[in-house]
Amino acid sequence: DNIVDEGYYFTPKGNDPCLSCTCHNGEPE
């Protein structure tokens, strides 16, 4: 539940703690 800045890597809220995504325009990509 931490807010992630644009362009940073993060694990999104969801059902998979093993994802690493890039934050782009408020969406995990």
mmCIF file of all heavy atoms, coordinates in Angstrom:
data_MODEL
# 
_entry.id   MODEL 
# 
loop_
_atom_site.group_PDB 
_atom_site.id 
_atom_site.type_symbol 
_atom_site.label_atom_id 
_atom_site.label_alt_id 
_atom_site.label_comp_id 
_atom_site.label_asym_id 
_atom_site.label_entity_id 
_atom_site.label_seq_id 
_atom_site.pdbx_PDB_ins_code 
_atom_site.Cartn_x 
_atom_site.Cartn_y 
_atom_site.Cartn_z 
_atom_site.occupancy 
_atom_site.B_iso_or_equiv 
_atom_site.pdbx_formal_charge 
_atom_site.auth_seq_id 
_atom_site.auth_comp_id 
_atom_site.auth_asym_id 
_atom_site.auth_atom_id 
_atom_site.pdbx_PDB_model_num 
ATOM 1   N N   . ASP A 1 1  ? 0.802  -1.219  0.000   1.00 0.00 ? 1  ASP A N   1 
ATOM 2   C CA  . ASP A 1 1  ? 0.000  0.000   0.000   1.00 0.00 ? 1  ASP A CA  1 
ATOM 3   C C   . ASP A 1 1  ? 0.836  1.269   0.000   1.00 0.00 ? 1  ASP A C   1 
ATOM 4   O O   . ASP A 1 1  ? 0.374  2.338   0.389   1.00 0.00 ? 1  ASP A O   1 
ATOM 5   C CB  . ASP A 1 1  ? -0.983 0.021   1.183   1.00 0.00 ? 1  ASP A CB  1 
ATOM 6   C CG  . ASP A 1 1  ? -2.234 0.831   0.847   1.00 0.00 ? 1  ASP A CG  1 
ATOM 7   O OD1 . ASP A 1 1  ? -2.752 0.676   -0.264  1.00 0.00 ? 1  ASP A OD1 1 
ATOM 8   O OD2 . ASP A 1 1  ? -2.673 1.627   1.686   1.00 0.00 ? 1  ASP A OD2 1 
ATOM 9   N N   . ASN A 1 2  ? 2.069  1.179   -0.471  1.00 0.00 ? 2  ASN A N   1 
ATOM 10  C CA  . ASN A 1 2  ? 2.883  2.378   -0.653  1.00 0.00 ? 2  ASN A CA  1 
ATOM 11  C C   . ASN A 1 2  ? 2.632  2.956   -2.044  1.00 0.00 ? 2  ASN A C   1 
ATOM 12  O O   . ASN A 1 2  ? 2.448  2.212   -3.013  1.00 0.00 ? 2  ASN A O   1 
ATOM 13  C CB  . ASN A 1 2  ? 4.375  2.046   -0.507  1.00 0.00 ? 2  ASN A CB  1 
ATOM 14  C CG  . ASN A 1 2  ? 4.711  1.500   0.858   1.00 0.00 ? 2  ASN A CG  1 
ATOM 15  O OD1 . ASN A 1 2  ? 4.359  2.100   1.871   1.00 0.00 ? 2  ASN A OD1 1 
ATOM 16  N ND2 . ASN A 1 2  ? 5.391  0.370   0.901   1.00 0.00 ? 2  ASN A ND2 1 
ATOM 17  N N   . ILE A 1 3  ? 2.641  4.279   -2.149  1.00 0.00 ? 3  ILE A N   1 
ATOM 18  C CA  . ILE A 1 3  ? 2.499  4.932   -3.452  1.00 0.00 ? 3  ILE A CA  1 
ATOM 19  C C   . ILE A 1 3  ? 3.845  4.927   -4.154  1.00 0.00 ? 3  ILE A C   1 
ATOM 20  O O   . ILE A 1 3  ? 4.886  5.203   -3.558  1.00 0.00 ? 3  ILE A O   1 
ATOM 21  C CB  . ILE A 1 3  ? 1.984  6.367   -3.270  1.00 0.00 ? 3  ILE A CB  1 
ATOM 22  C CG1 . ILE A 1 3  ? 0.567  6.340   -2.677  1.00 0.00 ? 3  ILE A CG1 1 
ATOM 23  C CG2 . ILE A 1 3  ? 1.990  7.126   -4.582  1.00 0.00 ? 3  ILE A CG2 1 
ATOM 24  C CD1 . ILE A 1 3  ? 0.014  7.696   -2.345  1.00 0.00 ? 3  ILE A CD1 1 
ATOM 25  N N   . VAL A 1 4  ? 3.842  4.589   -5.452  1.00 0.00 ? 4  VAL A N   1 
ATOM 26  C CA  . VAL A 1 4  ? 5.071  4.425   -6.231  1.00 0.00 ? 4  VAL A CA  1 
ATOM 27  C C   . VAL A 1 4  ? 5.159  5.555   -7.255  1.00 0.00 ? 4  VAL A C   1 
ATOM 28  O O   . VAL A 1 4  ? 4.184  5.862   -7.945  1.00 0.00 ? 4  VAL A O   1 
ATOM 29  C CB  . VAL A 1 4  ? 5.079  3.058   -6.945  1.00 0.00 ? 4  VAL A CB  1 
ATOM 30  C CG1 . VAL A 1 4  ? 6.381  2.854   -7.701  1.00 0.00 ? 4  VAL A CG1 1 
ATOM 31  C CG2 . VAL A 1 4  ? 4.872  1.931   -5.926  1.00 0.00 ? 4  VAL A CG2 1 
ATOM 32  N N   . ASP A 1 5  ? 6.319  6.169   -7.360  1.00 0.00 ? 5  ASP A N   1 
ATOM 33  C CA  . ASP A 1 5  ? 6.511  7.257   -8.310  1.00 0.00 ? 5  ASP A CA  1 
ATOM 34  C C   . ASP A 1 5  ? 6.683  6.726   -9.734  1.00 0.00 ? 5  ASP A C   1 
ATOM 35  O O   . ASP A 1 5  ? 7.048  5.566   -9.958  1.00 0.00 ? 5  ASP A O   1 
ATOM 36  C CB  . ASP A 1 5  ? 7.740  8.086   -7.923  1.00 0.00 ? 5  ASP A CB  1 
ATOM 37  C CG  . ASP A 1 5  ? 7.532  8.856   -6.630  1.00 0.00 ? 5  ASP A CG  1 
ATOM 38  O OD1 . ASP A 1 5  ? 6.366  9.216   -6.341  1.00 0.00 ? 5  ASP A OD1 1 
ATOM 39  O OD2 . ASP A 1 5  ? 8.515  9.093   -5.909  1.00 0.00 ? 5  ASP A OD2 1 
ATOM 40  N N   . GLU A 1 6  ? 6.435  7.600   -10.682 1.00 0.00 ? 6  GLU A N   1 
ATOM 41  C CA  . GLU A 1 6  ? 6.549  7.272   -12.101 1.00 0.00 ? 6  GLU A CA  1 
ATOM 42  C C   . GLU A 1 6  ? 7.940  6.735   -12.423 1.00 0.00 ? 6  GLU A C   1 
ATOM 43  O O   . GLU A 1 6  ? 8.963  7.284   -12.016 1.00 0.00 ? 6  GLU A O   1 
ATOM 44  C CB  . GLU A 1 6  ? 6.272  8.542   -12.929 1.00 0.00 ? 6  GLU A CB  1 
ATOM 45  C CG  . GLU A 1 6  ? 6.376  8.376   -14.425 1.00 0.00 ? 6  GLU A CG  1 
ATOM 46  C CD  . GLU A 1 6  ? 5.166  7.688   -15.032 1.00 0.00 ? 6  GLU A CD  1 
ATOM 47  O OE1 . GLU A 1 6  ? 4.196  7.428   -14.307 1.00 0.00 ? 6  GLU A OE1 1 
ATOM 48  O OE2 . GLU A 1 6  ? 5.190  7.406   -16.240 1.00 0.00 ? 6  GLU A OE2 1 
ATOM 49  N N   . GLY A 1 7  ? 7.980  5.610   -13.171 1.00 0.00 ? 7  GLY A N   1 
ATOM 50  C CA  . GLY A 1 7  ? 9.243  5.051   -13.647 1.00 0.00 ? 7  GLY A CA  1 
ATOM 51  C C   . GLY A 1 7  ? 9.925  4.086   -12.701 1.00 0.00 ? 7  GLY A C   1 
ATOM 52  O O   . GLY A 1 7  ? 10.936 3.486   -13.065 1.00 0.00 ? 7  GLY A O   1 
ATOM 53  N N   . TYR A 1 8  ? 9.380  3.915   -11.490 1.00 0.00 ? 8  TYR A N   1 
ATOM 54  C CA  . TYR A 1 8  ? 10.024 3.039   -10.514 1.00 0.00 ? 8  TYR A CA  1 
ATOM 55  C C   . TYR A 1 8  ? 9.478  1.613   -10.614 1.00 0.00 ? 8  TYR A C   1 
ATOM 56  O O   . TYR A 1 8  ? 8.344  1.389   -11.026 1.00 0.00 ? 8  TYR A O   1 
ATOM 57  C CB  . TYR A 1 8  ? 9.819  3.575   -9.095  1.00 0.00 ? 8  TYR A CB  1 
ATOM 58  C CG  . TYR A 1 8  ? 10.762 4.690   -8.737  1.00 0.00 ? 8  TYR A CG  1 
ATOM 59  C CD1 . TYR A 1 8  ? 10.571 5.973   -9.249  1.00 0.00 ? 8  TYR A CD1 1 
ATOM 60  C CD2 . TYR A 1 8  ? 11.851 4.482   -7.897  1.00 0.00 ? 8  TYR A CD2 1 
ATOM 61  C CE1 . TYR A 1 8  ? 11.441 7.010   -8.929  1.00 0.00 ? 8  TYR A CE1 1 
ATOM 62  C CE2 . TYR A 1 8  ? 12.719 5.512   -7.562  1.00 0.00 ? 8  TYR A CE2 1 
ATOM 63  C CZ  . TYR A 1 8  ? 12.501 6.773   -8.086  1.00 0.00 ? 8  TYR A CZ  1 
ATOM 64  O OH  . TYR A 1 8  ? 13.369 7.800   -7.768  1.00 0.00 ? 8  TYR A OH  1 
ATOM 65  N N   . TYR A 1 9  ? 10.309 0.651   -10.186 1.00 0.00 ? 9  TYR A N   1 
ATOM 66  C CA  . TYR A 1 9  ? 9.888  -0.745  -10.118 1.00 0.00 ? 9  TYR A CA  1 
ATOM 67  C C   . TYR A 1 9  ? 9.080  -0.975  -8.847  1.00 0.00 ? 9  TYR A C   1 
ATOM 68  O O   . TYR A 1 9  ? 9.369  -0.381  -7.805  1.00 0.00 ? 9  TYR A O   1 
ATOM 69  C CB  . TYR A 1 9  ? 11.095 -1.686  -10.112 1.00 0.00 ? 9  TYR A CB  1 
ATOM 70  C CG  . TYR A 1 9  ? 11.859 -1.698  -11.417 1.00 0.00 ? 9  TYR A CG  1 
ATOM 71  C CD1 . TYR A 1 9  ? 13.101 -1.100  -11.504 1.00 0.00 ? 9  TYR A CD1 1 
ATOM 72  C CD2 . TYR A 1 9  ? 11.328 -2.317  -12.550 1.00 0.00 ? 9  TYR A CD2 1 
ATOM 73  C CE1 . TYR A 1 9  ? 13.821 -1.100  -12.694 1.00 0.00 ? 9  TYR A CE1 1 
ATOM 74  C CE2 . TYR A 1 9  ? 12.029 -2.325  -13.740 1.00 0.00 ? 9  TYR A CE2 1 
ATOM 75  C CZ  . TYR A 1 9  ? 13.278 -1.709  -13.804 1.00 0.00 ? 9  TYR A CZ  1 
ATOM 76  O OH  . TYR A 1 9  ? 13.970 -1.716  -14.990 1.00 0.00 ? 9  TYR A OH  1 
ATOM 77  N N   . PHE A 1 10 ? 8.091  -1.867  -8.917  1.00 0.00 ? 10 PHE A N   1 
ATOM 78  C CA  . PHE A 1 10 ? 7.292  -2.171  -7.732  1.00 0.00 ? 10 PHE A CA  1 
ATOM 79  C C   . PHE A 1 10 ? 6.526  -3.473  -7.967  1.00 0.00 ? 10 PHE A C   1 
ATOM 80  O O   . PHE A 1 10 ? 6.398  -3.952  -9.091  1.00 0.00 ? 10 PHE A O   1 
ATOM 81  C CB  . PHE A 1 10 ? 6.311  -1.031  -7.422  1.00 0.00 ? 10 PHE A CB  1 
ATOM 82  C CG  . PHE A 1 10 ? 5.135  -0.942  -8.369  1.00 0.00 ? 10 PHE A CG  1 
ATOM 83  C CD1 . PHE A 1 10 ? 3.854  -1.266  -7.944  1.00 0.00 ? 10 PHE A CD1 1 
ATOM 84  C CD2 . PHE A 1 10 ? 5.307  -0.542  -9.687  1.00 0.00 ? 10 PHE A CD2 1 
ATOM 85  C CE1 . PHE A 1 10 ? 2.769  -1.186  -8.797  1.00 0.00 ? 10 PHE A CE1 1 
ATOM 86  C CE2 . PHE A 1 10 ? 4.228  -0.449  -10.549 1.00 0.00 ? 10 PHE A CE2 1 
ATOM 87  C CZ  . PHE A 1 10 ? 2.960  -0.772  -10.111 1.00 0.00 ? 10 PHE A CZ  1 
ATOM 88  N N   . THR A 1 11 ? 6.022  -4.033  -6.871  1.00 0.00 ? 11 THR A N   1 
ATOM 89  C CA  . THR A 1 11 ? 5.119  -5.186  -6.933  1.00 0.00 ? 11 THR A CA  1 
ATOM 90  C C   . THR A 1 11 ? 3.704  -4.680  -6.705  1.00 0.00 ? 11 THR A C   1 
ATOM 91  O O   . THR A 1 11 ? 3.391  -4.166  -5.639  1.00 0.00 ? 11 THR A O   1 
ATOM 92  C CB  . THR A 1 11 ? 5.483  -6.224  -5.859  1.00 0.00 ? 11 THR A CB  1 
ATOM 93  O OG1 . THR A 1 11 ? 6.798  -6.716  -6.109  1.00 0.00 ? 11 THR A OG1 1 
ATOM 94  C CG2 . THR A 1 11 ? 4.500  -7.387  -5.878  1.00 0.00 ? 11 THR A CG2 1 
ATOM 95  N N   . PRO A 1 12 ? 2.828  -4.766  -7.720  1.00 0.00 ? 12 PRO A N   1 
ATOM 96  C CA  . PRO A 1 12 ? 1.491  -4.197  -7.569  1.00 0.00 ? 12 PRO A CA  1 
ATOM 97  C C   . PRO A 1 12 ? 0.616  -4.962  -6.594  1.00 0.00 ? 12 PRO A C   1 
ATOM 98  O O   . PRO A 1 12 ? 0.848  -6.152  -6.336  1.00 0.00 ? 12 PRO A O   1 
ATOM 99  C CB  . PRO A 1 12 ? 0.902  -4.269  -8.987  1.00 0.00 ? 12 PRO A CB  1 
ATOM 100 C CG  . PRO A 1 12 ? 1.851  -5.035  -9.813  1.00 0.00 ? 12 PRO A CG  1 
ATOM 101 C CD  . PRO A 1 12 ? 3.053  -5.385  -9.015  1.00 0.00 ? 12 PRO A CD  1 
ATOM 102 N N   . LYS A 1 13 ? -0.400 -4.261  -6.054  1.00 0.00 ? 13 LYS A N   1 
ATOM 103 C CA  . LYS A 1 13 ? -1.405 -4.959  -5.259  1.00 0.00 ? 13 LYS A CA  1 
ATOM 104 C C   . LYS A 1 13 ? -2.144 -5.909  -6.185  1.00 0.00 ? 13 LYS A C   1 
ATOM 105 O O   . LYS A 1 13 ? -2.508 -5.557  -7.293  1.00 0.00 ? 13 LYS A O   1 
ATOM 106 C CB  . LYS A 1 13 ? -2.384 -3.959  -4.649  1.00 0.00 ? 13 LYS A CB  1 
ATOM 107 C CG  . LYS A 1 13 ? -1.752 -3.071  -3.596  1.00 0.00 ? 13 LYS A CG  1 
ATOM 108 C CD  . LYS A 1 13 ? -2.770 -2.165  -2.950  1.00 0.00 ? 13 LYS A CD  1 
ATOM 109 C CE  . LYS A 1 13 ? -3.545 -2.893  -1.886  1.00 0.00 ? 13 LYS A CE  1 
ATOM 110 N NZ  . LYS A 1 13 ? -2.733 -3.174  -0.691  1.00 0.00 ? 13 LYS A NZ  1 
ATOM 111 N N   . GLY A 1 14 ? -2.358 -7.117  -5.733  1.00 0.00 ? 14 GLY A N   1 
ATOM 112 C CA  . GLY A 1 14 ? -2.995 -8.126  -6.566  1.00 0.00 ? 14 GLY A CA  1 
ATOM 113 C C   . GLY A 1 14 ? -2.828 -9.480  -5.920  1.00 0.00 ? 14 GLY A C   1 
ATOM 114 O O   . GLY A 1 14 ? -2.827 -9.614  -4.702  1.00 0.00 ? 14 GLY A O   1 
ATOM 115 N N   . ASN A 1 15 ? -2.628 -10.492 -6.728  1.00 0.00 ? 15 ASN A N   1 
ATOM 116 C CA  . ASN A 1 15 ? -2.554 -11.838 -6.172  1.00 0.00 ? 15 ASN A CA  1 
ATOM 117 C C   . ASN A 1 15 ? -1.212 -12.506 -6.427  1.00 0.00 ? 15 ASN A C   1 
ATOM 118 O O   . ASN A 1 15 ? -1.091 -13.709 -6.292  1.00 0.00 ? 15 ASN A O   1 
ATOM 119 C CB  . ASN A 1 15 ? -3.686 -12.701 -6.759  1.00 0.00 ? 15 ASN A CB  1 
ATOM 120 C CG  . ASN A 1 15 ? -3.627 -12.739 -8.290  1.00 0.00 ? 15 ASN A CG  1 
ATOM 121 O OD1 . ASN A 1 15 ? -2.764 -12.108 -8.895  1.00 0.00 ? 15 ASN A OD1 1 
ATOM 122 N ND2 . ASN A 1 15 ? -4.543 -13.474 -8.882  1.00 0.00 ? 15 ASN A ND2 1 
ATOM 123 N N   . ASP A 1 16 ? -0.180 -11.732 -6.789  1.00 0.00 ? 16 ASP A N   1 
ATOM 124 C CA  . ASP A 1 16 ? 1.116  -12.338 -7.077  1.00 0.00 ? 16 ASP A CA  1 
ATOM 125 C C   . ASP A 1 16 ? 2.232  -11.484 -6.483  1.00 0.00 ? 16 ASP A C   1 
ATOM 126 O O   . ASP A 1 16 ? 2.596  -10.451 -7.037  1.00 0.00 ? 16 ASP A O   1 
ATOM 127 C CB  . ASP A 1 16 ? 1.313  -12.475 -8.586  1.00 0.00 ? 16 ASP A CB  1 
ATOM 128 C CG  . ASP A 1 16 ? 2.550  -13.307 -8.926  1.00 0.00 ? 16 ASP A CG  1 
ATOM 129 O OD1 . ASP A 1 16 ? 3.337  -13.601 -8.007  1.00 0.00 ? 16 ASP A OD1 1 
ATOM 130 O OD2 . ASP A 1 16 ? 2.717  -13.652 -10.109 1.00 0.00 ? 16 ASP A OD2 1 
ATOM 131 N N   . PRO A 1 17 ? 2.814  -11.913 -5.340  1.00 0.00 ? 17 PRO A N   1 
ATOM 132 C CA  . PRO A 1 17 ? 3.883  -11.128 -4.734  1.00 0.00 ? 17 PRO A CA  1 
ATOM 133 C C   . PRO A 1 17 ? 5.219  -11.263 -5.456  1.00 0.00 ? 17 PRO A C   1 
ATOM 134 O O   . PRO A 1 17 ? 6.199  -10.649 -5.039  1.00 0.00 ? 17 PRO A O   1 
ATOM 135 C CB  . PRO A 1 17 ? 3.965  -11.710 -3.315  1.00 0.00 ? 17 PRO A CB  1 
ATOM 136 C CG  . PRO A 1 17 ? 3.532  -13.120 -3.473  1.00 0.00 ? 17 PRO A CG  1 
ATOM 137 C CD  . PRO A 1 17 ? 2.473  -13.108 -4.541  1.00 0.00 ? 17 PRO A CD  1 
ATOM 138 N N   . CYS A 1 18 ? 5.268  -12.056 -6.517  1.00 0.00 ? 18 CYS A N   1 
ATOM 139 C CA  . CYS A 1 18 ? 6.520  -12.271 -7.241  1.00 0.00 ? 18 CYS A CA  1 
ATOM 140 C C   . CYS A 1 18 ? 6.582  -11.490 -8.553  1.00 0.00 ? 18 CYS A C   1 
ATOM 141 O O   . CYS A 1 18 ? 7.377  -11.806 -9.431  1.00 0.00 ? 18 CYS A O   1 
ATOM 142 C CB  . CYS A 1 18 ? 6.729  -13.761 -7.511  1.00 0.00 ? 18 CYS A CB  1 
ATOM 143 S SG  . CYS A 1 18 ? 7.122  -14.712 -6.024  1.00 0.00 ? 18 CYS A SG  1 
ATOM 144 N N   . LEU A 1 19 ? 5.717  -10.487 -8.704  1.00 0.00 ? 19 LEU A N   1 
ATOM 145 C CA  . LEU A 1 19 ? 5.765  -9.636  -9.886  1.00 0.00 ? 19 LEU A CA  1 
ATOM 146 C C   . LEU A 1 19 ? 6.637  -8.416  -9.616  1.00 0.00 ? 19 LEU A C   1 
ATOM 147 O O   . LEU A 1 19 ? 6.628  -7.851  -8.533  1.00 0.00 ? 19 LEU A O   1 
ATOM 148 C CB  . LEU A 1 19 ? 4.372  -9.145  -10.264 1.00 0.00 ? 19 LEU A CB  1 
ATOM 149 C CG  . LEU A 1 19 ? 3.457  -10.087 -11.041 1.00 0.00 ? 19 LEU A CG  1 
ATOM 150 C CD1 . LEU A 1 19 ? 2.143  -9.382  -11.324 1.00 0.00 ? 19 LEU A CD1 1 
ATOM 151 C CD2 . LEU A 1 19 ? 4.098  -10.528 -12.343 1.00 0.00 ? 19 LEU A CD2 1 
ATOM 152 N N   . SER A 1 20 ? 7.368  -7.997  -10.630 1.00 0.00 ? 20 SER A N   1 
ATOM 153 C CA  . SER A 1 20 ? 8.082  -6.736  -10.595 1.00 0.00 ? 20 SER A CA  1 
ATOM 154 C C   . SER A 1 20 ? 7.696  -5.967  -11.853 1.00 0.00 ? 20 SER A C   1 
ATOM 155 O O   . SER A 1 20 ? 7.889  -6.456  -12.967 1.00 0.00 ? 20 SER A O   1 
ATOM 156 C CB  . SER A 1 20 ? 9.596  -6.960  -10.547 1.00 0.00 ? 20 SER A CB  1 
ATOM 157 O OG  . SER A 1 20 ? 10.275 -5.718  -10.530 1.00 0.00 ? 20 SER A OG  1 
ATOM 158 N N   . CYS A 1 21 ? 7.101  -4.783  -11.657 1.00 0.00 ? 21 CYS A N   1 
ATOM 159 C CA  . CYS A 1 21 ? 6.580  -3.996  -12.771 1.00 0.00 ? 21 CYS A CA  1 
ATOM 160 C C   . CYS A 1 21 ? 7.171  -2.594  -12.735 1.00 0.00 ? 21 CYS A C   1 
ATOM 161 O O   . CYS A 1 21 ? 7.721  -2.154  -11.732 1.00 0.00 ? 21 CYS A O   1 
ATOM 162 C CB  . CYS A 1 21 ? 5.057  -3.900  -12.716 1.00 0.00 ? 21 CYS A CB  1 
ATOM 163 S SG  . CYS A 1 21 ? 4.190  -5.482  -12.651 1.00 0.00 ? 21 CYS A SG  1 
ATOM 164 N N   . THR A 1 22 ? 7.018  -1.887  -13.837 1.00 0.00 ? 22 THR A N   1 
ATOM 165 C CA  . THR A 1 22 ? 7.397  -0.487  -13.914 1.00 0.00 ? 22 THR A CA  1 
ATOM 166 C C   . THR A 1 22 ? 6.144  0.366   -13.845 1.00 0.00 ? 22 THR A C   1 
ATOM 167 O O   . THR A 1 22 ? 5.147  0.069   -14.498 1.00 0.00 ? 22 THR A O   1 
ATOM 168 C CB  . THR A 1 22 ? 8.151  -0.200  -15.228 1.00 0.00 ? 22 THR A CB  1 
ATOM 169 O OG1 . THR A 1 22 ? 9.290  -1.041  -15.316 1.00 0.00 ? 22 THR A OG1 1 
ATOM 170 C CG2 . THR A 1 22 ? 8.594  1.263   -15.284 1.00 0.00 ? 22 THR A CG2 1 
ATOM 171 N N   . CYS A 1 23 ? 6.165  1.422   -13.043 1.00 0.00 ? 23 CYS A N   1 
ATOM 172 C CA  . CYS A 1 23 ? 5.022  2.325   -12.937 1.00 0.00 ? 23 CYS A CA  1 
ATOM 173 C C   . CYS A 1 23 ? 5.042  3.307   -14.104 1.00 0.00 ? 23 CYS A C   1 
ATOM 174 O O   . CYS A 1 23 ? 6.011  4.046   -14.298 1.00 0.00 ? 23 CYS A O   1 
ATOM 175 C CB  . CYS A 1 23 ? 5.078  3.090   -11.611 1.00 0.00 ? 23 CYS A CB  1 
ATOM 176 S SG  . CYS A 1 23 ? 3.717  4.264   -11.404 1.00 0.00 ? 23 CYS A SG  1 
ATOM 177 N N   . HIS A 1 24 ? 3.957  3.319   -14.891 1.00 0.00 ? 24 HIS A N   1 
ATOM 178 C CA  . HIS A 1 24 ? 3.843  4.234   -16.025 1.00 0.00 ? 24 HIS A CA  1 
ATOM 179 C C   . HIS A 1 24 ? 2.419  4.771   -16.098 1.00 0.00 ? 24 HIS A C   1 
ATOM 180 O O   . HIS A 1 24 ? 1.473  4.013   -16.293 1.00 0.00 ? 24 HIS A O   1 
ATOM 181 C CB  . HIS A 1 24 ? 4.202  3.521   -17.337 1.00 0.00 ? 24 HIS A CB  1 
ATOM 182 C CG  . HIS A 1 24 ? 4.073  4.386   -18.554 1.00 0.00 ? 24 HIS A CG  1 
ATOM 183 N ND1 . HIS A 1 24 ? 4.840  5.510   -18.747 1.00 0.00 ? 24 HIS A ND1 1 
ATOM 184 C CD2 . HIS A 1 24 ? 3.250  4.298   -19.635 1.00 0.00 ? 24 HIS A CD2 1 
ATOM 185 C CE1 . HIS A 1 24 ? 4.506  6.078   -19.892 1.00 0.00 ? 24 HIS A CE1 1 
ATOM 186 N NE2 . HIS A 1 24 ? 3.539  5.365   -20.449 1.00 0.00 ? 24 HIS A NE2 1 
ATOM 187 N N   . ASN A 1 25 ? 2.265  6.076   -15.895 1.00 0.00 ? 25 ASN A N   1 
ATOM 188 C CA  . ASN A 1 25 ? 0.949  6.723   -15.925 1.00 0.00 ? 25 ASN A CA  1 
ATOM 189 C C   . ASN A 1 25 ? -0.052 6.049   -14.976 1.00 0.00 ? 25 ASN A C   1 
ATOM 190 O O   . ASN A 1 25 ? -1.214 5.843   -15.322 1.00 0.00 ? 25 ASN A O   1 
ATOM 191 C CB  . ASN A 1 25 ? 0.385  6.736   -17.346 1.00 0.00 ? 25 ASN A CB  1 
ATOM 192 C CG  . ASN A 1 25 ? 1.140  7.692   -18.253 1.00 0.00 ? 25 ASN A CG  1 
ATOM 193 O OD1 . ASN A 1 25 ? 1.773  8.635   -17.781 1.00 0.00 ? 25 ASN A OD1 1 
ATOM 194 N ND2 . ASN A 1 25 ? 1.080  7.442   -19.553 1.00 0.00 ? 25 ASN A ND2 1 
ATOM 195 N N   . GLY A 1 26 ? 0.417  5.670   -13.807 1.00 0.00 ? 26 GLY A N   1 
ATOM 196 C CA  . GLY A 1 26 ? -0.463 5.056   -12.824 1.00 0.00 ? 26 GLY A CA  1 
ATOM 197 C C   . GLY A 1 26 ? -0.812 3.614   -13.088 1.00 0.00 ? 26 GLY A C   1 
ATOM 198 O O   . GLY A 1 26 ? -1.660 3.045   -12.415 1.00 0.00 ? 26 GLY A O   1 
ATOM 199 N N   . GLU A 1 27 ? -0.149 2.995   -14.067 1.00 0.00 ? 27 GLU A N   1 
ATOM 200 C CA  . GLU A 1 27 ? -0.429 1.598   -14.409 1.00 0.00 ? 27 GLU A CA  1 
ATOM 201 C C   . GLU A 1 27 ? 0.859  0.785   -14.311 1.00 0.00 ? 27 GLU A C   1 
ATOM 202 O O   . GLU A 1 27 ? 1.938  1.279   -14.637 1.00 0.00 ? 27 GLU A O   1 
ATOM 203 C CB  . GLU A 1 27 ? -0.971 1.484   -15.843 1.00 0.00 ? 27 GLU A CB  1 
ATOM 204 C CG  . GLU A 1 27 ? -2.282 2.184   -16.089 1.00 0.00 ? 27 GLU A CG  1 
ATOM 205 C CD  . GLU A 1 27 ? -3.467 1.324   -15.729 1.00 0.00 ? 27 GLU A CD  1 
ATOM 206 O OE1 . GLU A 1 27 ? -3.248 0.216   -15.205 1.00 0.00 ? 27 GLU A OE1 1 
ATOM 207 O OE2 . GLU A 1 27 ? -4.599 1.759   -15.972 1.00 0.00 ? 27 GLU A OE2 1 
ATOM 208 N N   . PRO A 1 28 ? 0.759  -0.493  -13.859 1.00 0.00 ? 28 PRO A N   1 
ATOM 209 C CA  . PRO A 1 28 ? 1.931  -1.366  -13.893 1.00 0.00 ? 28 PRO A CA  1 
ATOM 210 C C   . PRO A 1 28 ? 2.162  -1.880  -15.307 1.00 0.00 ? 28 PRO A C   1 
ATOM 211 O O   . PRO A 1 28 ? 1.253  -2.415  -15.937 1.00 0.00 ? 28 PRO A O   1 
ATOM 212 C CB  . PRO A 1 28 ? 1.554  -2.502  -12.929 1.00 0.00 ? 28 PRO A CB  1 
ATOM 213 C CG  . PRO A 1 28 ? 0.068  -2.483  -12.865 1.00 0.00 ? 28 PRO A CG  1 
ATOM 214 C CD  . PRO A 1 28 ? -0.404 -1.114  -13.236 1.00 0.00 ? 28 PRO A CD  1 
ATOM 215 N N   . GLU A 1 29 ? 3.369  -1.702  -15.806 1.00 0.00 ? 29 GLU A N   1 
ATOM 216 C CA  . GLU A 1 29 ? 3.693  -2.157  -17.160 1.00 0.00 ? 29 GLU A CA  1 
ATOM 217 C C   . GLU A 1 29 ? 5.021  -2.912  -17.133 1.00 0.00 ? 29 GLU A C   1 
ATOM 218 O O   . GLU A 1 29 ? 5.797  -2.822  -16.196 1.00 0.00 ? 29 GLU A O   1 
ATOM 219 C CB  . GLU A 1 29 ? 3.784  -0.967  -18.122 1.00 0.00 ? 29 GLU A CB  1 
ATOM 220 C CG  . GLU A 1 29 ? 2.445  -0.273  -18.360 1.00 0.00 ? 29 GLU A CG  1 
ATOM 221 C CD  . GLU A 1 29 ? 2.508  0.758   -19.474 1.00 0.00 ? 29 GLU A CD  1 
ATOM 222 O OE1 . GLU A 1 29 ? 3.618  1.021   -19.972 1.00 0.00 ? 29 GLU A OE1 1 
ATOM 223 O OE2 . GLU A 1 29 ? 1.444  1.287   -19.837 1.00 0.00 ? 29 GLU A OE2 1 
# 
